[in-house]
Amino acid sequence: MNLTPQTIGQGIDILAAAILVTAFLIVSSRSLLFYLRLFALQSFLLGGVAILVVAGYGETHILIAAILTIVIKGITIPVVLSRVIDRIHIRKEVDLTINVAASLLICGGLVILADSVAQPILNVGGPDAPAVSRVLSVSIAMMLIGLFIMLARKKALTQIIGLLTMENGVFLSGLSITYGMPMIVEVGIFFDILIAVLILGVFVFRINQTFETISSDVLRSLRH
């Protein structure tokens, strides 16, 4: 099949929209395992965007970043965190700081805010701007929603997913603005993320063993 610039642009738009939907589904769910599956799907979709950028704009160094996104964030990290969940026997976010309906409304507002921030930047490029630049709004929304997940959810594992969602937004913004960062920087970031998640996973397991909870509210109360 001949991939025209228009076809590639449409594919990027569809994948970016799907990535944003996964973020909303994470916000609307309470299952930790479902969070991980959605994050894995989100990472696969992000890898697909990177592959389309390679196909459409010839930025071959991004292919390595796309493969690392799929292998590390789409497979390795979900497997590691799912094993942590199996060990600590906590599978649901029971108590929410902000209920699901209010969370979805807030995230909708964050998407509108992200679009209002991105539009002046996109207008500078004019009608000749590449199609991938249009996902800047989605990337900013992803960063904001990831931050919201970290603040609005109590389980430490959910907050890790929020952090990883923010990082996916950062990577997507790099694709939309500069077709990705230099390869050595991207590889370093991916391995930093992997090591950080492994360490956080061990911390969560040890905290649950010691205090029999991974609720940030309970852990915060231990200071008093």
N, C-alpha and C. Protein backbone atom coordinates (compact mmCIF):
# COMPACT_ATOMS: atom_id res chain seq x y z
N MET A 1 0.85 -1.19 0.00
CA MET A 1 0.00 0.00 0.00
C MET A 1 0.89 1.25 0.00
N ASN A 2 0.54 2.19 -0.87
CA ASN A 2 1.30 3.43 -0.97
C ASN A 2 0.86 4.40 0.13
N LEU A 3 1.82 4.74 0.98
CA LEU A 3 1.52 5.66 2.08
C LEU A 3 1.77 7.09 1.63
N THR A 4 0.71 7.80 1.35
CA THR A 4 0.82 9.20 0.97
C THR A 4 0.91 10.06 2.23
N PRO A 5 1.41 11.30 2.12
CA PRO A 5 1.44 12.19 3.29
C PRO A 5 0.07 12.36 3.94
N GLN A 6 -0.99 12.37 3.11
CA GLN A 6 -2.33 12.52 3.66
C GLN A 6 -2.73 11.29 4.47
N THR A 7 -2.40 10.11 3.94
CA THR A 7 -2.72 8.87 4.66
C THR A 7 -1.97 8.79 5.97
N ILE A 8 -0.69 9.16 5.94
CA ILE A 8 0.12 9.14 7.16
C ILE A 8 -0.42 10.14 8.17
N GLY A 9 -0.80 11.32 7.70
CA GLY A 9 -1.37 12.33 8.59
C GLY A 9 -2.65 11.84 9.25
N GLN A 10 -3.52 11.19 8.48
CA GLN A 10 -4.76 10.65 9.04
C GLN A 10 -4.47 9.55 10.05
N GLY A 11 -3.48 8.70 9.74
CA GLY A 11 -3.11 7.63 10.66
C GLY A 11 -2.60 8.18 11.98
N ILE A 12 -1.78 9.23 11.91
CA ILE A 12 -1.26 9.86 13.13
C ILE A 12 -2.39 10.47 13.94
N ASP A 13 -3.33 11.12 13.26
CA ASP A 13 -4.48 11.73 13.97
C ASP A 13 -5.30 10.66 14.68
N ILE A 14 -5.55 9.53 14.01
CA ILE A 14 -6.35 8.46 14.60
C ILE A 14 -5.65 7.86 15.82
N LEU A 15 -4.34 7.59 15.68
CA LEU A 15 -3.60 7.01 16.79
C LEU A 15 -3.52 7.98 17.97
N ALA A 16 -3.33 9.28 17.68
CA ALA A 16 -3.28 10.28 18.75
C ALA A 16 -4.60 10.35 19.49
N ALA A 17 -5.71 10.29 18.75
CA ALA A 17 -7.03 10.30 19.39
C ALA A 17 -7.21 9.07 20.26
N ALA A 18 -6.75 7.91 19.78
CA ALA A 18 -6.86 6.69 20.56
C ALA A 18 -6.01 6.76 21.83
N ILE A 19 -4.84 7.37 21.74
CA ILE A 19 -3.97 7.55 22.91
C ILE A 19 -4.69 8.39 23.96
N LEU A 20 -5.35 9.46 23.53
CA LEU A 20 -6.08 10.31 24.47
C LEU A 20 -7.24 9.55 25.11
N VAL A 21 -7.90 8.70 24.33
CA VAL A 21 -9.00 7.89 24.87
C VAL A 21 -8.49 6.96 25.97
N THR A 22 -7.30 6.36 25.78
CA THR A 22 -6.76 5.47 26.82
C THR A 22 -6.52 6.24 28.12
N ALA A 23 -6.10 7.49 28.02
CA ALA A 23 -5.89 8.30 29.23
C ALA A 23 -7.21 8.51 29.96
N PHE A 24 -8.28 8.79 29.22
CA PHE A 24 -9.60 8.98 29.84
C PHE A 24 -10.11 7.67 30.46
N LEU A 25 -9.82 6.54 29.81
CA LEU A 25 -10.24 5.26 30.36
C LEU A 25 -9.51 4.94 31.66
N ILE A 26 -8.23 5.32 31.73
CA ILE A 26 -7.48 5.14 32.98
C ILE A 26 -8.13 5.94 34.10
N VAL A 27 -8.52 7.18 33.79
CA VAL A 27 -9.15 8.04 34.79
C VAL A 27 -10.49 7.46 35.25
N SER A 28 -11.21 6.80 34.34
CA SER A 28 -12.56 6.32 34.65
C SER A 28 -12.58 4.95 35.32
N SER A 29 -11.42 4.28 35.40
CA SER A 29 -11.38 2.92 35.93
C SER A 29 -10.87 2.90 37.37
N ARG A 30 -11.12 1.77 38.05
CA ARG A 30 -10.58 1.57 39.40
C ARG A 30 -9.68 0.35 39.48
N SER A 31 -9.59 -0.43 38.42
CA SER A 31 -8.82 -1.67 38.42
C SER A 31 -7.36 -1.38 38.10
N LEU A 32 -6.45 -1.80 38.98
CA LEU A 32 -5.03 -1.58 38.74
C LEU A 32 -4.54 -2.37 37.52
N LEU A 33 -5.05 -3.57 37.35
CA LEU A 33 -4.66 -4.37 36.18
C LEU A 33 -5.15 -3.73 34.89
N PHE A 34 -6.34 -3.15 34.93
CA PHE A 34 -6.86 -2.46 33.75
C PHE A 34 -6.01 -1.23 33.44
N TYR A 35 -5.55 -0.53 34.50
CA TYR A 35 -4.62 0.58 34.28
C TYR A 35 -3.41 0.13 33.48
N LEU A 36 -2.84 -1.00 33.88
CA LEU A 36 -1.62 -1.49 33.22
C LEU A 36 -1.90 -1.87 31.76
N ARG A 37 -3.04 -2.50 31.52
CA ARG A 37 -3.38 -2.89 30.15
C ARG A 37 -3.60 -1.66 29.27
N LEU A 38 -4.24 -0.65 29.85
CA LEU A 38 -4.46 0.58 29.09
C LEU A 38 -3.15 1.30 28.83
N PHE A 39 -2.25 1.31 29.83
CA PHE A 39 -0.95 1.93 29.62
C PHE A 39 -0.16 1.18 28.55
N ALA A 40 -0.24 -0.16 28.56
CA ALA A 40 0.44 -0.95 27.53
C ALA A 40 -0.11 -0.61 26.15
N LEU A 41 -1.45 -0.55 26.02
CA LEU A 41 -2.08 -0.19 24.76
C LEU A 41 -1.66 1.21 24.34
N GLN A 42 -1.64 2.14 25.30
CA GLN A 42 -1.23 3.52 25.02
C GLN A 42 0.19 3.56 24.47
N SER A 43 1.07 2.75 25.03
CA SER A 43 2.47 2.72 24.59
C SER A 43 2.59 2.10 23.20
N PHE A 44 1.79 1.07 22.92
CA PHE A 44 1.80 0.48 21.58
C PHE A 44 1.33 1.51 20.55
N LEU A 45 0.28 2.26 20.87
CA LEU A 45 -0.22 3.30 19.97
C LEU A 45 0.82 4.39 19.76
N LEU A 46 1.53 4.74 20.84
CA LEU A 46 2.58 5.75 20.74
C LEU A 46 3.71 5.25 19.85
N GLY A 47 4.05 3.97 19.99
CA GLY A 47 5.04 3.39 19.09
C GLY A 47 4.57 3.43 17.64
N GLY A 48 3.26 3.23 17.42
CA GLY A 48 2.71 3.33 16.07
C GLY A 48 2.84 4.72 15.49
N VAL A 49 2.62 5.75 16.32
CA VAL A 49 2.82 7.13 15.86
C VAL A 49 4.26 7.34 15.44
N ALA A 50 5.20 6.85 16.25
CA ALA A 50 6.62 7.01 15.93
C ALA A 50 6.97 6.31 14.62
N ILE A 51 6.40 5.12 14.39
CA ILE A 51 6.66 4.40 13.14
C ILE A 51 6.12 5.16 11.94
N LEU A 52 4.93 5.77 12.08
CA LEU A 52 4.38 6.58 10.99
C LEU A 52 5.25 7.81 10.71
N VAL A 53 5.83 8.39 11.77
CA VAL A 53 6.74 9.53 11.57
C VAL A 53 7.96 9.07 10.77
N VAL A 54 8.46 7.87 11.08
CA VAL A 54 9.59 7.33 10.31
C VAL A 54 9.19 7.15 8.85
N ALA A 55 8.00 6.56 8.63
CA ALA A 55 7.55 6.30 7.25
C ALA A 55 7.27 7.58 6.48
N GLY A 56 6.76 8.60 7.19
CA GLY A 56 6.35 9.81 6.49
C GLY A 56 7.41 10.86 6.34
N TYR A 57 8.36 10.90 7.29
CA TYR A 57 9.31 12.02 7.29
C TYR A 57 10.77 11.57 7.24
N GLY A 58 10.98 10.25 7.15
CA GLY A 58 12.33 9.74 6.97
C GLY A 58 13.24 9.88 8.17
N GLU A 59 12.67 10.10 9.35
CA GLU A 59 13.49 10.24 10.56
C GLU A 59 13.78 8.83 11.12
N THR A 60 14.77 8.17 10.52
CA THR A 60 15.00 6.76 10.82
C THR A 60 15.44 6.51 12.26
N HIS A 61 16.08 7.50 12.90
CA HIS A 61 16.53 7.28 14.28
C HIS A 61 15.34 7.08 15.24
N ILE A 62 14.16 7.55 14.83
CA ILE A 62 12.98 7.39 15.69
C ILE A 62 12.52 5.94 15.72
N LEU A 63 12.94 5.14 14.72
CA LEU A 63 12.54 3.73 14.69
C LEU A 63 13.02 3.01 15.95
N ILE A 64 14.23 3.35 16.41
CA ILE A 64 14.75 2.74 17.64
C ILE A 64 13.88 3.14 18.83
N ALA A 65 13.52 4.42 18.87
CA ALA A 65 12.65 4.89 19.96
C ALA A 65 11.29 4.20 19.91
N ALA A 66 10.77 3.97 18.70
CA ALA A 66 9.48 3.28 18.56
C ALA A 66 9.57 1.85 19.09
N ILE A 67 10.65 1.15 18.75
CA ILE A 67 10.83 -0.23 19.21
C ILE A 67 10.98 -0.26 20.73
N LEU A 68 11.77 0.67 21.28
CA LEU A 68 11.96 0.73 22.72
C LEU A 68 10.65 1.06 23.44
N THR A 69 9.84 1.93 22.85
CA THR A 69 8.54 2.26 23.43
C THR A 69 7.67 1.02 23.56
N ILE A 70 7.64 0.23 22.50
CA ILE A 70 6.80 -0.97 22.50
C ILE A 70 7.36 -2.03 23.45
N VAL A 71 8.68 -2.25 23.42
CA VAL A 71 9.28 -3.32 24.22
C VAL A 71 9.31 -2.96 25.70
N ILE A 72 9.76 -1.72 26.02
CA ILE A 72 9.94 -1.35 27.43
C ILE A 72 8.62 -0.92 28.06
N LYS A 73 7.93 0.05 27.41
CA LYS A 73 6.71 0.58 28.03
C LYS A 73 5.46 -0.21 27.68
N GLY A 74 5.48 -0.88 26.53
CA GLY A 74 4.31 -1.66 26.14
C GLY A 74 4.29 -3.07 26.71
N ILE A 75 5.50 -3.62 26.99
CA ILE A 75 5.57 -5.02 27.45
C ILE A 75 6.25 -5.15 28.81
N THR A 76 7.50 -4.66 28.91
CA THR A 76 8.30 -4.93 30.11
C THR A 76 7.71 -4.31 31.37
N ILE A 77 7.44 -3.00 31.32
CA ILE A 77 6.92 -2.31 32.51
C ILE A 77 5.57 -2.87 32.95
N PRO A 78 4.59 -3.08 32.05
CA PRO A 78 3.33 -3.70 32.51
C PRO A 78 3.52 -5.07 33.14
N VAL A 79 4.44 -5.88 32.60
CA VAL A 79 4.69 -7.20 33.17
C VAL A 79 5.26 -7.07 34.59
N VAL A 80 6.23 -6.17 34.76
CA VAL A 80 6.85 -5.97 36.07
C VAL A 80 5.81 -5.51 37.10
N LEU A 81 5.02 -4.50 36.72
CA LEU A 81 4.04 -3.96 37.67
C LEU A 81 2.89 -4.93 37.94
N SER A 82 2.54 -5.74 36.94
CA SER A 82 1.48 -6.74 37.18
C SER A 82 1.94 -7.79 38.18
N ARG A 83 3.22 -8.10 38.17
CA ARG A 83 3.76 -9.05 39.15
C ARG A 83 3.75 -8.43 40.55
N VAL A 84 4.02 -7.13 40.62
CA VAL A 84 3.94 -6.45 41.91
C VAL A 84 2.50 -6.52 42.44
N ILE A 85 1.52 -6.28 41.56
CA ILE A 85 0.11 -6.35 41.97
C ILE A 85 -0.24 -7.75 42.46
N ASP A 86 0.27 -8.78 41.76
CA ASP A 86 -0.01 -10.15 42.19
C ASP A 86 0.59 -10.43 43.57
N ARG A 87 1.74 -9.84 43.85
CA ARG A 87 2.41 -10.10 45.14
C ARG A 87 1.74 -9.36 46.30
N ILE A 88 1.23 -8.16 46.04
CA ILE A 88 0.65 -7.38 47.15
C ILE A 88 -0.85 -7.62 47.30
N HIS A 89 -1.47 -8.30 46.33
CA HIS A 89 -2.89 -8.67 46.42
C HIS A 89 -3.81 -7.46 46.55
N ILE A 90 -3.46 -6.38 45.90
CA ILE A 90 -4.33 -5.20 45.86
C ILE A 90 -4.63 -4.91 44.39
N ARG A 91 -5.88 -5.02 44.00
CA ARG A 91 -6.22 -4.96 42.58
C ARG A 91 -7.13 -3.78 42.22
N LYS A 92 -7.61 -3.05 43.23
CA LYS A 92 -8.55 -1.97 42.91
C LYS A 92 -8.21 -0.70 43.69
N GLU A 93 -8.52 0.41 43.05
CA GLU A 93 -8.45 1.72 43.71
C GLU A 93 -9.82 1.93 44.35
N VAL A 94 -9.91 1.68 45.65
CA VAL A 94 -11.22 1.69 46.32
C VAL A 94 -11.66 3.11 46.64
N ASP A 95 -10.81 3.85 47.32
CA ASP A 95 -11.15 5.22 47.73
C ASP A 95 -10.52 6.22 46.78
N LEU A 96 -11.35 7.05 46.18
CA LEU A 96 -10.86 8.05 45.23
C LEU A 96 -10.89 9.44 45.88
N THR A 97 -9.83 10.21 45.67
CA THR A 97 -9.82 11.59 46.15
C THR A 97 -10.89 12.41 45.44
N ILE A 98 -11.05 12.18 44.13
CA ILE A 98 -12.07 12.83 43.32
C ILE A 98 -12.84 11.73 42.58
N ASN A 99 -14.17 11.75 42.63
CA ASN A 99 -14.93 10.67 42.02
C ASN A 99 -14.76 10.66 40.50
N VAL A 100 -15.20 9.56 39.88
CA VAL A 100 -14.95 9.34 38.46
C VAL A 100 -15.60 10.41 37.59
N ALA A 101 -16.86 10.75 37.87
CA ALA A 101 -17.57 11.74 37.05
C ALA A 101 -16.85 13.08 37.09
N ALA A 102 -16.49 13.53 38.29
CA ALA A 102 -15.78 14.81 38.41
C ALA A 102 -14.41 14.74 37.76
N SER A 103 -13.75 13.58 37.87
CA SER A 103 -12.43 13.41 37.26
C SER A 103 -12.50 13.55 35.75
N LEU A 104 -13.54 12.95 35.16
CA LEU A 104 -13.69 13.04 33.70
C LEU A 104 -13.98 14.47 33.26
N LEU A 105 -14.79 15.18 34.04
CA LEU A 105 -15.07 16.58 33.71
C LEU A 105 -13.80 17.42 33.80
N ILE A 106 -13.01 17.19 34.82
CA ILE A 106 -11.76 17.93 34.98
C ILE A 106 -10.81 17.62 33.83
N CYS A 107 -10.71 16.35 33.45
CA CYS A 107 -9.83 15.97 32.34
C CYS A 107 -10.31 16.57 31.02
N GLY A 108 -11.65 16.65 30.84
CA GLY A 108 -12.17 17.34 29.66
C GLY A 108 -11.73 18.79 29.64
N GLY A 109 -11.78 19.45 30.81
CA GLY A 109 -11.29 20.83 30.90
C GLY A 109 -9.81 20.93 30.61
N LEU A 110 -9.03 19.92 31.04
CA LEU A 110 -7.59 19.91 30.77
C LEU A 110 -7.30 19.78 29.27
N VAL A 111 -8.13 19.00 28.57
CA VAL A 111 -7.97 18.88 27.11
C VAL A 111 -8.22 20.22 26.43
N ILE A 112 -9.27 20.92 26.87
CA ILE A 112 -9.56 22.25 26.31
C ILE A 112 -8.41 23.21 26.60
N LEU A 113 -7.88 23.15 27.83
CA LEU A 113 -6.75 24.00 28.19
C LEU A 113 -5.53 23.67 27.33
N ALA A 114 -5.27 22.39 27.12
CA ALA A 114 -4.13 21.97 26.31
C ALA A 114 -4.26 22.47 24.88
N ASP A 115 -5.48 22.39 24.33
CA ASP A 115 -5.69 22.86 22.97
C ASP A 115 -5.49 24.36 22.86
N SER A 116 -5.94 25.10 23.88
CA SER A 116 -5.76 26.56 23.84
C SER A 116 -4.29 26.95 23.95
N VAL A 117 -3.51 26.14 24.66
CA VAL A 117 -2.06 26.40 24.76
C VAL A 117 -1.36 26.04 23.45
N ALA A 118 -1.79 24.95 22.82
CA ALA A 118 -1.10 24.46 21.62
C ALA A 118 -1.43 25.27 20.38
N GLN A 119 -2.64 25.82 20.27
CA GLN A 119 -3.06 26.48 19.05
C GLN A 119 -2.14 27.64 18.62
N PRO A 120 -1.74 28.53 19.54
CA PRO A 120 -0.82 29.60 19.10
C PRO A 120 0.49 29.06 18.53
N ILE A 121 0.96 27.94 19.09
CA ILE A 121 2.19 27.32 18.57
C ILE A 121 1.95 26.74 17.19
N LEU A 122 0.81 26.07 17.02
CA LEU A 122 0.49 25.46 15.73
C LEU A 122 0.24 26.52 14.66
N ASN A 123 -0.32 27.65 15.05
CA ASN A 123 -0.61 28.71 14.08
C ASN A 123 0.66 29.31 13.49
N VAL A 124 1.76 29.23 14.24
CA VAL A 124 3.03 29.75 13.73
C VAL A 124 3.48 28.97 12.50
N GLY A 125 3.21 27.64 12.54
CA GLY A 125 3.60 26.81 11.41
C GLY A 125 2.77 27.02 10.17
N GLY A 126 1.54 27.52 10.33
CA GLY A 126 0.67 27.77 9.20
C GLY A 126 0.14 26.49 8.57
N PRO A 127 -0.50 26.59 7.42
CA PRO A 127 -1.11 25.42 6.77
C PRO A 127 -0.09 24.41 6.25
N ASP A 128 1.18 24.84 6.10
CA ASP A 128 2.20 23.93 5.58
C ASP A 128 2.87 23.11 6.67
N ALA A 129 2.44 23.26 7.91
CA ALA A 129 3.05 22.52 9.01
C ALA A 129 2.77 21.02 8.82
N PRO A 130 3.73 20.15 9.17
CA PRO A 130 3.53 18.71 9.01
C PRO A 130 2.39 18.20 9.87
N ALA A 131 1.78 17.10 9.42
CA ALA A 131 0.61 16.56 10.11
C ALA A 131 0.91 16.16 11.55
N VAL A 132 2.13 15.69 11.80
CA VAL A 132 2.47 15.22 13.14
C VAL A 132 2.42 16.35 14.16
N SER A 133 2.61 17.59 13.70
CA SER A 133 2.59 18.71 14.64
C SER A 133 1.21 18.91 15.26
N ARG A 134 0.17 18.38 14.59
CA ARG A 134 -1.19 18.56 15.10
C ARG A 134 -1.43 17.80 16.40
N VAL A 135 -0.57 16.84 16.72
CA VAL A 135 -0.78 16.06 17.94
C VAL A 135 -0.21 16.78 19.17
N LEU A 136 0.29 17.99 18.98
CA LEU A 136 0.82 18.74 20.12
C LEU A 136 -0.25 18.94 21.20
N SER A 137 -1.47 19.22 20.79
CA SER A 137 -2.57 19.39 21.74
C SER A 137 -2.76 18.13 22.58
N VAL A 138 -2.72 16.98 21.90
CA VAL A 138 -2.89 15.71 22.61
C VAL A 138 -1.74 15.47 23.58
N SER A 139 -0.52 15.80 23.15
CA SER A 139 0.64 15.57 24.01
C SER A 139 0.57 16.41 25.28
N ILE A 140 0.17 17.67 25.16
CA ILE A 140 0.03 18.53 26.34
C ILE A 140 -1.08 18.01 27.23
N ALA A 141 -2.19 17.58 26.62
CA ALA A 141 -3.30 17.02 27.40
C ALA A 141 -2.86 15.77 28.16
N MET A 142 -2.04 14.94 27.53
CA MET A 142 -1.54 13.73 28.18
C MET A 142 -0.69 14.08 29.41
N MET A 143 0.15 15.09 29.28
CA MET A 143 0.97 15.50 30.42
C MET A 143 0.10 16.01 31.57
N LEU A 144 -0.91 16.79 31.24
CA LEU A 144 -1.80 17.33 32.28
C LEU A 144 -2.63 16.23 32.93
N ILE A 145 -3.14 15.30 32.12
CA ILE A 145 -3.94 14.20 32.67
C ILE A 145 -3.07 13.28 33.53
N GLY A 146 -1.84 13.03 33.09
CA GLY A 146 -0.93 12.22 33.90
C GLY A 146 -0.67 12.85 35.25
N LEU A 147 -0.47 14.18 35.25
CA LEU A 147 -0.28 14.90 36.52
C LEU A 147 -1.53 14.81 37.38
N PHE A 148 -2.69 14.93 36.75
CA PHE A 148 -3.96 14.82 37.49
C PHE A 148 -4.10 13.44 38.13
N ILE A 149 -3.75 12.39 37.40
CA ILE A 149 -3.84 11.03 37.95
C ILE A 149 -2.95 10.90 39.19
N MET A 150 -1.76 11.47 39.12
CA MET A 150 -0.85 11.42 40.27
C MET A 150 -1.43 12.13 41.49
N LEU A 151 -2.14 13.23 41.25
CA LEU A 151 -2.67 14.01 42.36
C LEU A 151 -4.00 13.47 42.88
N ALA A 152 -4.81 12.87 42.00
CA ALA A 152 -6.19 12.52 42.36
C ALA A 152 -6.36 11.07 42.81
N ARG A 153 -5.37 10.24 42.62
CA ARG A 153 -5.48 8.85 43.01
C ARG A 153 -4.58 8.55 44.20
N LYS A 154 -4.99 7.59 45.03
CA LYS A 154 -4.32 7.36 46.30
C LYS A 154 -3.30 6.23 46.27
N LYS A 155 -3.52 5.23 45.43
CA LYS A 155 -2.61 4.10 45.39
C LYS A 155 -1.30 4.48 44.73
N ALA A 156 -0.20 4.03 45.33
CA ALA A 156 1.12 4.36 44.79
C ALA A 156 1.29 3.83 43.37
N LEU A 157 0.74 2.65 43.08
CA LEU A 157 0.87 2.10 41.73
C LEU A 157 0.14 2.95 40.71
N THR A 158 -1.02 3.46 41.08
CA THR A 158 -1.76 4.34 40.17
C THR A 158 -0.97 5.61 39.90
N GLN A 159 -0.29 6.11 40.91
CA GLN A 159 0.51 7.31 40.73
C GLN A 159 1.71 7.05 39.81
N ILE A 160 2.25 5.82 39.85
CA ILE A 160 3.30 5.45 38.90
C ILE A 160 2.76 5.48 37.48
N ILE A 161 1.54 4.96 37.29
CA ILE A 161 0.92 4.99 35.95
C ILE A 161 0.72 6.44 35.50
N GLY A 162 0.33 7.32 36.42
CA GLY A 162 0.19 8.74 36.09
C GLY A 162 1.51 9.33 35.62
N LEU A 163 2.60 8.98 36.32
CA LEU A 163 3.93 9.46 35.93
C LEU A 163 4.31 8.96 34.55
N LEU A 164 4.02 7.69 34.27
CA LEU A 164 4.35 7.12 32.97
C LEU A 164 3.48 7.73 31.86
N THR A 165 2.23 8.05 32.18
CA THR A 165 1.37 8.72 31.21
C THR A 165 1.92 10.11 30.87
N MET A 166 2.40 10.82 31.89
CA MET A 166 3.05 12.11 31.64
C MET A 166 4.25 11.95 30.71
N GLU A 167 5.04 10.90 30.94
CA GLU A 167 6.23 10.68 30.11
C GLU A 167 5.84 10.36 28.68
N ASN A 168 4.76 9.61 28.49
CA ASN A 168 4.26 9.36 27.14
C ASN A 168 3.88 10.67 26.45
N GLY A 169 3.28 11.58 27.23
CA GLY A 169 2.94 12.89 26.68
C GLY A 169 4.17 13.68 26.28
N VAL A 170 5.22 13.59 27.10
CA VAL A 170 6.47 14.28 26.77
C VAL A 170 7.07 13.72 25.48
N PHE A 171 7.06 12.39 25.34
CA PHE A 171 7.60 11.77 24.13
C PHE A 171 6.80 12.17 22.90
N LEU A 172 5.47 12.20 23.05
CA LEU A 172 4.62 12.59 21.93
C LEU A 172 4.85 14.05 21.54
N SER A 173 5.07 14.91 22.54
CA SER A 173 5.35 16.32 22.23
C SER A 173 6.68 16.45 21.49
N GLY A 174 7.66 15.62 21.86
CA GLY A 174 8.93 15.63 21.14
C GLY A 174 8.76 15.23 19.68
N LEU A 175 7.89 14.24 19.43
CA LEU A 175 7.61 13.83 18.05
C LEU A 175 6.92 14.95 17.27
N SER A 176 6.00 15.65 17.94
CA SER A 176 5.20 16.66 17.24
C SER A 176 5.99 17.92 16.93
N ILE A 177 6.97 18.24 17.76
CA ILE A 177 7.69 19.50 17.57
C ILE A 177 8.99 19.32 16.79
N THR A 178 9.77 18.30 17.17
CA THR A 178 11.12 18.17 16.57
C THR A 178 11.38 16.79 15.99
N TYR A 179 10.31 15.98 15.76
CA TYR A 179 10.48 14.61 15.29
C TYR A 179 11.37 13.79 16.23
N GLY A 180 11.26 14.04 17.51
CA GLY A 180 12.01 13.26 18.49
C GLY A 180 13.33 13.90 18.84
N MET A 181 13.90 13.45 19.95
CA MET A 181 15.19 13.94 20.42
C MET A 181 16.31 13.12 19.79
N PRO A 182 17.57 13.55 19.95
CA PRO A 182 18.68 12.72 19.46
C PRO A 182 18.61 11.31 20.03
N MET A 183 19.08 10.34 19.24
CA MET A 183 18.89 8.93 19.59
C MET A 183 19.51 8.59 20.94
N ILE A 184 20.70 9.08 21.24
CA ILE A 184 21.37 8.73 22.49
C ILE A 184 20.56 9.24 23.68
N VAL A 185 19.92 10.40 23.52
CA VAL A 185 19.09 10.95 24.59
C VAL A 185 17.85 10.08 24.79
N GLU A 186 17.21 9.68 23.69
CA GLU A 186 16.01 8.86 23.78
C GLU A 186 16.32 7.52 24.43
N VAL A 187 17.40 6.87 24.03
CA VAL A 187 17.77 5.58 24.60
C VAL A 187 18.04 5.72 26.10
N GLY A 188 18.75 6.78 26.48
CA GLY A 188 19.04 7.02 27.89
C GLY A 188 17.77 7.22 28.71
N ILE A 189 16.82 7.97 28.15
CA ILE A 189 15.56 8.22 28.85
C ILE A 189 14.78 6.93 29.06
N PHE A 190 14.73 6.08 28.02
CA PHE A 190 13.97 4.83 28.14
C PHE A 190 14.55 3.93 29.23
N PHE A 191 15.87 3.83 29.29
CA PHE A 191 16.47 2.97 30.31
C PHE A 191 16.36 3.59 31.69
N ASP A 192 16.38 4.92 31.77
CA ASP A 192 16.13 5.59 33.06
C ASP A 192 14.74 5.27 33.57
N ILE A 193 13.76 5.32 32.65
CA ILE A 193 12.38 5.02 33.02
C ILE A 193 12.25 3.58 33.51
N LEU A 194 12.90 2.65 32.79
CA LEU A 194 12.83 1.24 33.17
C LEU A 194 13.40 1.02 34.57
N ILE A 195 14.58 1.58 34.83
CA ILE A 195 15.21 1.42 36.14
C ILE A 195 14.36 2.07 37.22
N ALA A 196 13.81 3.27 36.92
CA ALA A 196 12.97 3.96 37.90
C ALA A 196 11.75 3.13 38.26
N VAL A 197 11.10 2.53 37.27
CA VAL A 197 9.91 1.72 37.53
C VAL A 197 10.26 0.47 38.32
N LEU A 198 11.40 -0.16 38.01
CA LEU A 198 11.83 -1.33 38.77
C LEU A 198 12.04 -0.97 40.24
N ILE A 199 12.71 0.17 40.48
CA ILE A 199 12.95 0.61 41.86
C ILE A 199 11.64 0.95 42.56
N LEU A 200 10.75 1.67 41.86
CA LEU A 200 9.46 2.02 42.46
C LEU A 200 8.62 0.78 42.75
N GLY A 201 8.71 -0.21 41.86
CA GLY A 201 7.99 -1.45 42.10
C GLY A 201 8.46 -2.16 43.36
N VAL A 202 9.79 -2.18 43.56
CA VAL A 202 10.34 -2.77 44.79
C VAL A 202 9.89 -1.99 46.01
N PHE A 203 9.93 -0.66 45.91
CA PHE A 203 9.49 0.19 47.02
C PHE A 203 8.04 -0.09 47.38
N VAL A 204 7.18 -0.17 46.36
CA VAL A 204 5.75 -0.41 46.62
C VAL A 204 5.56 -1.75 47.32
N PHE A 205 6.27 -2.78 46.86
CA PHE A 205 6.17 -4.11 47.47
C PHE A 205 6.62 -4.07 48.93
N ARG A 206 7.76 -3.41 49.19
CA ARG A 206 8.29 -3.34 50.56
C ARG A 206 7.38 -2.50 51.46
N ILE A 207 6.85 -1.41 50.94
CA ILE A 207 5.93 -0.57 51.72
C ILE A 207 4.69 -1.37 52.10
N ASN A 208 4.16 -2.13 51.15
CA ASN A 208 2.96 -2.94 51.44
C ASN A 208 3.27 -4.02 52.47
N GLN A 209 4.47 -4.61 52.40
CA GLN A 209 4.86 -5.61 53.38
C GLN A 209 4.94 -5.02 54.79
N THR A 210 5.46 -3.78 54.86
CA THR A 210 5.69 -3.16 56.16
C THR A 210 4.41 -2.58 56.77
N PHE A 211 3.64 -1.86 55.93
CA PHE A 211 2.48 -1.12 56.45
C PHE A 211 1.14 -1.72 56.04
N GLU A 212 1.18 -2.78 55.20
CA GLU A 212 -0.03 -3.44 54.72
C GLU A 212 -0.96 -2.49 53.97
N THR A 213 -0.39 -1.53 53.29
CA THR A 213 -1.16 -0.59 52.48
C THR A 213 -0.21 0.11 51.51
N ILE A 214 -0.77 0.56 50.39
CA ILE A 214 0.00 1.42 49.49
C ILE A 214 -0.78 2.72 49.23
N SER A 215 -1.69 3.04 50.15
CA SER A 215 -2.45 4.29 50.03
C SER A 215 -1.57 5.45 50.46
N SER A 216 -1.47 6.46 49.62
CA SER A 216 -0.64 7.61 49.94
C SER A 216 -1.19 8.38 51.14
N ASP A 217 -2.52 8.36 51.34
CA ASP A 217 -3.11 9.04 52.49
C ASP A 217 -2.65 8.41 53.80
N VAL A 218 -2.68 7.09 53.84
CA VAL A 218 -2.25 6.39 55.05
C VAL A 218 -0.77 6.61 55.31
N LEU A 219 0.03 6.52 54.25
CA LEU A 219 1.48 6.72 54.41
C LEU A 219 1.79 8.13 54.84
N ARG A 220 1.02 9.10 54.35
CA ARG A 220 1.24 10.50 54.73
C ARG A 220 0.92 10.72 56.21
N SER A 221 -0.08 9.98 56.69
CA SER A 221 -0.48 10.15 58.10
C SER A 221 0.57 9.61 59.06
N LEU A 222 1.48 8.77 58.58
CA LEU A 222 2.52 8.21 59.45
C LEU A 222 3.52 9.26 59.89
N ARG A 223 3.54 10.39 59.22
CA ARG A 223 4.47 11.45 59.60
C ARG A 223 4.04 12.11 60.91
N HIS A 224 2.75 12.00 61.25
CA HIS A 224 2.23 12.73 62.42
C HIS A 224 2.28 11.86 63.68
